Amino acid sequence: MAKNKEAGDNRRVGAVRKRSQIRNKLTGTWTKRDDTTGKFLDVKDDTKPFKGVRKKGTKTMAKKAAVKKVAKKAAKKPAAKKTARKSVKRVVKKAPARKTARRR
């Protein structure tokens, strides 16, 4: 059975709550952000992310890049030729209505 280590061993059990981190595209550093207030708390000196803090926006950025790549491939590929079909209008003949004789 797993157990938590004693205090002061410099390890965290679980993730940091109410905080996230975002990667800066220009500098490549990670910025820690408070989710409740939206304020930026800290910037990492190196390019490694903060330990135990949720990463925000990395998956969405990857999805956007994948969508762009697919759109680019689709733009390069010529469109398939559609065969022109002559549209024929169907006429359905209705049976003539019966005339009812008037009774006198």
Foldseek 3Di string as FASTA:
>chain_A
DDDDDDPPPPDDDAADPQKEWEADPPPLWIWIAGNVVGDTDDIDPDNDDDPRHHYPDPVVVVVVVVVVVVVVVVVPDDDDDDDDDDDDDDDDDDDDDDDDDDDD
